[in-house]
């Protein structure tokens, strides 16, 4: 894995980078975090941007499986998932399909 010598993931200068095995990289990262050193970069996982994308992911996903639909669902921010769920139930109530069979 690529390691950042100064534990600052935004510092990609060549002299700050080195190769480490996953175990060593993890150990050094934990030690730096415990010492209050370094800086992690923000991860950007957009998930579904629209209700249509979210619905398509839900239709493709099989519960308990690690598939593309599940990945999109889990990458979608929790607040956005709540918003989509509320909209889905609002539409189901409007159509009279909000009861379990």
Protein backbone atom coordinates (compact mmCIF):
# COMPACT_ATOMS: atom_id res chain seq x y z
CA UNK A 1 0.00 0.00 0.00
CA UNK A 2 1.05 3.61 -0.43
CA UNK A 3 1.94 5.23 2.91
CA UNK A 4 2.24 8.93 3.66
CA UNK A 5 5.34 9.43 5.82
CA UNK A 6 3.88 12.48 7.59
CA UNK A 7 0.43 10.81 7.96
CA UNK A 8 -1.15 13.65 5.94
CA UNK A 9 -3.12 11.96 3.14
CA UNK A 10 -3.41 15.23 1.21
CA UNK A 11 0.41 15.53 0.95
CA UNK A 12 1.16 13.54 -2.20
CA UNK A 13 4.67 14.84 -2.80
CA UNK A 14 6.94 12.00 -3.98
CA UNK A 15 9.28 12.33 -0.99
CA UNK A 16 6.31 11.82 1.37
CA UNK A 17 5.21 8.55 -0.23
CA UNK A 18 6.52 5.03 0.32
CA UNK A 19 5.36 1.44 -0.11
CA UNK A 20 4.33 -0.57 2.97
CA UNK A 21 2.47 -3.81 3.50
CA UNK A 22 -1.15 -3.42 4.60
CA UNK A 23 -0.39 -4.48 8.16
CA UNK A 24 2.43 -1.94 8.62
CA UNK A 25 0.41 0.83 6.98
CA UNK A 26 -2.53 0.15 9.31
CA UNK A 27 -0.31 0.04 12.42
CA UNK A 28 1.42 3.30 11.52
CA UNK A 29 -1.90 4.96 10.72
CA UNK A 30 -3.36 3.95 14.08
CA UNK A 31 -0.26 5.13 15.94
CA UNK A 32 -0.39 8.50 14.15
CA UNK A 33 -4.09 8.90 14.93
CA UNK A 34 -3.54 8.08 18.61
CA UNK A 35 -0.72 10.64 18.73
CA UNK A 36 -2.98 13.23 17.10
CA UNK A 37 -0.76 13.45 14.04
CA UNK A 38 -1.59 13.53 10.38
CA UNK A 39 -4.74 14.28 8.53
CA UNK A 40 -7.11 11.97 6.71
CA UNK A 41 -8.67 13.11 3.49
CA UNK A 42 -12.43 13.28 3.18
CA UNK A 43 -13.83 10.33 1.33
CA UNK A 44 -16.31 11.12 -1.42
CA UNK A 45 -18.91 8.44 -1.91
CA UNK A 46 -21.85 10.09 -3.65
CA UNK A 47 -24.27 7.16 -3.67
CA UNK A 48 -27.59 7.86 -5.36
CA UNK A 49 -28.21 11.45 -6.41
CA UNK A 50 -31.84 10.97 -7.43
CA UNK A 51 -34.82 8.92 -6.34
CA UNK A 52 -34.67 7.08 -9.69
CA UNK A 53 -31.05 6.02 -9.08
CA UNK A 54 -31.89 4.93 -5.52
CA UNK A 55 -34.93 2.94 -6.66
CA UNK A 56 -32.94 1.26 -9.44
CA UNK A 57 -30.22 0.29 -6.92
CA UNK A 58 -32.86 -1.11 -4.55
CA UNK A 59 -34.38 -3.20 -7.34
CA UNK A 60 -30.95 -4.59 -8.29
CA UNK A 61 -29.84 -5.31 -4.71
CA UNK A 62 -30.28 -8.69 -3.04
CA UNK A 63 -30.33 -8.36 0.74
CA UNK A 64 -27.21 -9.80 2.35
CA UNK A 65 -25.25 -9.74 -0.90
CA UNK A 66 -22.33 -7.45 -1.69
CA UNK A 67 -23.57 -6.25 -5.05
CA UNK A 68 -23.55 -2.98 -7.00
CA UNK A 69 -27.06 -2.03 -5.88
CA UNK A 70 -26.15 -2.47 -2.22
CA UNK A 71 -22.98 -0.43 -2.70
CA UNK A 72 -24.96 2.51 -4.08
CA UNK A 73 -27.50 2.28 -1.26
CA UNK A 74 -24.83 2.19 1.44
CA UNK A 75 -22.83 5.03 -0.14
CA UNK A 76 -25.92 7.25 -0.14
CA UNK A 77 -25.90 9.59 2.85
CA UNK A 78 -28.22 8.55 5.68
CA UNK A 79 -30.25 11.77 5.45
CA UNK A 80 -30.69 11.29 1.70
CA UNK A 81 -31.83 7.66 2.25
CA UNK A 82 -34.43 8.93 4.74
CA UNK A 83 -35.59 11.51 2.22
CA UNK A 84 -35.91 8.87 -0.51
CA UNK A 85 -37.75 6.46 1.82
CA UNK A 86 -40.23 9.16 2.85
CA UNK A 87 -40.89 9.99 -0.81
CA UNK A 88 -41.35 6.31 -1.70
CA UNK A 89 -43.90 5.84 1.11
CA UNK A 90 -45.67 9.10 0.20
CA UNK A 91 -46.10 7.82 -3.36
CA UNK A 92 -47.22 4.38 -2.17
CA UNK A 93 -49.85 5.92 0.11
CA UNK A 94 -51.09 8.09 -2.76
CA UNK A 95 -51.55 4.93 -4.87
CA UNK A 96 -52.96 2.83 -2.05
CA UNK A 97 -50.07 0.37 -2.19
CA UNK A 98 -48.65 1.09 1.25
CA UNK A 99 -50.08 -2.05 2.92
CA UNK A 100 -48.16 -5.27 3.38
CA UNK A 101 -49.53 -8.30 1.56
